[in-house]
Protein backbone atom coordinates (compact mmCIF):
# COMPACT_ATOMS: atom_id res chain seq x y z
CA MET A 1 -19.02 6.79 -3.22
CA LYS A 2 -17.41 9.66 -0.97
CA LEU A 3 -14.32 11.11 -2.12
CA SER A 4 -13.05 10.41 1.54
CA THR A 5 -13.22 7.09 0.97
CA ILE A 6 -11.21 6.96 -2.33
CA ARG A 7 -8.97 9.25 -0.70
CA GLU A 8 -8.24 7.16 1.88
CA ARG A 9 -8.17 4.11 0.15
CA VAL A 10 -5.60 5.13 -1.79
CA LYS A 11 -3.40 7.07 0.71
CA GLN A 12 -3.48 3.25 2.40
CA PHE A 13 -2.40 1.69 -0.79
CA LEU A 14 0.55 4.11 -1.51
CA LYS A 15 1.86 3.93 2.64
CA GLU A 16 1.55 -0.21 2.25
CA SER A 17 2.99 -0.38 -1.36
CA LEU A 18 5.96 2.23 -1.31
CA ASP A 19 6.72 0.77 2.29
CA SER A 20 6.65 4.36 3.73
CA LYS A 21 6.51 3.94 7.32
CA ASP A 22 9.73 6.57 7.85
CA LEU A 23 8.80 9.56 10.12
CA GLY A 24 8.32 12.45 8.01
CA GLU A 25 7.12 10.37 4.84
CA ASN A 26 3.37 11.71 3.87
CA VAL A 27 1.05 10.92 1.11
CA ARG A 28 -1.10 14.15 -0.08
CA VAL A 29 -4.09 13.11 -2.87
CA VAL A 30 -4.11 16.36 -5.07
CA GLY A 31 -6.80 14.59 -7.59
CA ILE A 32 -9.44 12.28 -8.05
CA GLU A 33 -11.46 11.94 -11.34
CA SER A 34 -14.28 9.34 -12.11
CA ALA A 35 -13.64 6.78 -14.91
CA ASP A 36 -15.69 4.71 -16.99
CA ASP A 37 -14.89 1.71 -15.15
CA GLY A 38 -13.80 3.33 -11.61
CA TRP A 39 -11.46 6.36 -10.42
CA VAL A 40 -8.04 7.91 -11.65
CA VAL A 41 -6.20 9.54 -8.60
CA GLU A 42 -3.20 11.56 -8.54
CA ALA A 43 -1.57 11.89 -5.32
CA ASP A 44 2.30 13.22 -4.16
CA VAL A 45 4.24 11.07 -1.98
CA ILE A 46 7.27 12.21 0.42
CA GLU A 47 9.55 9.51 0.00
CA ARG A 48 12.98 9.24 1.94
CA ASN A 49 15.81 9.38 -0.63
CA LEU A 50 17.54 6.23 -0.45
CA ALA A 51 20.45 7.31 -2.43
CA LEU A 52 21.22 9.18 0.80
CA PRO A 53 21.36 6.46 3.42
CA GLY A 54 21.63 7.43 6.95
CA HIS A 55 20.41 11.19 6.08
CA ARG A 56 17.41 12.17 6.29
CA VAL A 57 16.79 13.93 2.73
CA PHE A 58 13.20 13.74 1.51
CA GLU A 59 11.75 14.18 -2.21
CA LYS A 60 8.28 14.68 -3.44
CA LYS A 61 7.00 11.88 -6.15
CA ARG A 62 3.83 12.08 -7.86
CA TYR A 63 2.01 9.12 -8.58
CA ILE A 64 -0.95 8.01 -10.69
CA VAL A 65 -3.48 5.46 -9.05
CA LYS A 66 -6.09 3.60 -10.90
CA LEU A 67 -9.20 1.96 -8.71
CA THR A 68 -12.35 0.15 -9.76
CA GLU A 69 -15.57 0.89 -8.82
CA ASN A 70 -15.53 -1.48 -5.41
CA LEU A 71 -11.77 0.51 -4.93
CA ASP A 72 -9.59 -2.21 -5.73
CA VAL A 73 -6.59 -0.94 -7.30
CA THR A 74 -5.47 -2.09 -10.80
CA ALA A 75 -2.61 -0.05 -11.75
CA TYR A 76 -0.36 2.26 -10.14
CA ARG A 77 2.86 4.02 -11.85
CA GLN A 78 4.99 7.08 -10.28
CA ILE A 79 5.12 10.34 -12.95
CA ASN A 80 7.01 13.39 -13.80
CA GLU A 81 4.65 16.50 -12.36
CA ALA A 82 5.38 18.12 -15.83
CA GLU A 83 3.49 14.36 -17.29
CA ASN A 84 0.39 14.68 -18.39
CA ARG A 85 -1.67 12.04 -16.58
CA GLU A 86 -3.69 11.21 -19.90
CA THR A 87 -0.27 9.28 -21.49
């Protein structure tokens, strides 16, 4: 499996799941690891801060996405940058 294919699948999934369609919102894959049954991908997402409606304030959030070998997403969650992806 090409890493570029995995990267694009995760970007597409996070944009759709987080409804990141606002100008300025972006997804950047920062790590891809092979797992026994697929892939574990770490990504930074620039999201609009919804606590400040009417303002264009963005913040970076980090997500872990787990995929099967066929690139079906089985789980995802937001993590703290200090949090180890093994936990």
